Amino acid sequence: MSSEPNEEYVDQEYVNNEYVSIPDWHRAILEERMERYKTADRSKWRTWEEVKKELMQEIHEAMKKREN
């Protein structure tokens, strides 16, 4: 199984799971966010690798400051 879930798996296994109660107002927020996602300018998004690299640099710099 892939380490990254696909949208179909997430929708079926979590959002619609009968064992997880989701209040209507939560569902409304999720629907609104999904609509924004559909129309978002994805060219401005960063990959997980880019974000991870930035976070690791921040951690490294913070550790350096603690050493000094």
Protein backbone atom coordinates (compact mmCIF):
# COMPACT_ATOMS: atom_id res chain seq x y z
CA MET A 1 0.00 0.00 0.00
CA SER A 2 1.26 3.50 -0.83
CA SER A 3 2.46 5.73 2.01
CA GLU A 4 0.33 8.58 0.65
CA PRO A 5 -3.42 8.05 0.69
CA ASN A 6 -5.39 8.82 -2.43
CA GLU A 7 -8.49 11.00 -2.22
CA GLU A 8 -10.84 8.09 -2.78
CA TYR A 9 -9.39 6.15 0.16
CA VAL A 10 -9.53 9.18 2.45
CA ASP A 11 -13.13 9.96 1.50
CA GLN A 12 -14.36 6.41 1.88
CA GLU A 13 -12.43 5.36 4.96
CA TYR A 14 -12.47 8.51 7.06
CA VAL A 15 -14.97 11.16 6.01
CA ASN A 16 -17.86 8.74 5.42
CA ASN A 17 -16.92 6.18 8.06
CA GLU A 18 -19.92 5.36 10.21
CA TYR A 19 -17.66 5.12 13.27
CA VAL A 20 -16.55 8.75 13.00
CA SER A 21 -19.24 11.28 13.74
CA ILE A 22 -18.70 14.51 11.83
CA PRO A 23 -20.88 17.47 12.80
CA ASP A 24 -22.64 19.21 9.93
CA TRP A 25 -20.73 22.44 10.55
CA HIS A 26 -17.42 20.54 10.20
CA ARG A 27 -18.63 19.05 6.94
CA ALA A 28 -19.58 22.55 5.70
CA ILE A 29 -16.06 23.79 6.44
CA LEU A 30 -14.54 20.81 4.62
CA GLU A 31 -16.78 21.37 1.60
CA GLU A 32 -15.86 25.07 1.48
CA ARG A 33 -12.16 24.25 1.67
CA MET A 34 -12.45 21.61 -1.04
CA GLU A 35 -14.09 24.18 -3.33
CA ARG A 36 -11.21 26.59 -2.68
CA TYR A 37 -8.77 23.77 -3.38
CA LYS A 38 -10.40 23.06 -6.76
CA THR A 39 -9.90 26.66 -7.93
CA ALA A 40 -6.54 27.36 -6.26
CA ASP A 41 -3.48 28.43 -8.24
CA ARG A 42 -1.42 25.30 -7.72
CA SER A 43 1.64 26.84 -9.37
CA LYS A 44 2.25 28.71 -6.10
CA TRP A 45 2.18 25.56 -3.99
CA ARG A 46 5.34 24.02 -2.59
CA THR A 47 6.14 20.34 -2.51
CA TRP A 48 6.53 18.43 0.75
CA GLU A 49 10.25 18.13 -0.03
CA GLU A 50 10.56 21.94 -0.26
CA VAL A 51 8.69 22.46 3.00
CA LYS A 52 10.69 19.72 4.75
CA LYS A 53 13.98 21.24 3.58
CA GLU A 54 12.94 24.67 4.87
CA LEU A 55 11.88 23.24 8.24
CA MET A 56 15.12 21.31 8.59
CA GLN A 57 17.11 24.49 7.86
CA GLU A 58 15.14 26.35 10.54
CA ILE A 59 15.77 23.57 13.05
CA HIS A 60 19.46 23.50 12.19
CA GLU A 61 19.76 27.29 12.63
CA ALA A 62 17.91 27.14 15.96
CA MET A 63 20.25 24.39 17.19
CA LYS A 64 23.27 26.47 16.18
CA LYS A 65 21.95 29.44 18.16
CA ARG A 66 21.49 27.25 21.25
CA GLU A 67 25.09 26.06 21.00
CA ASN A 68 26.40 29.64 21.03
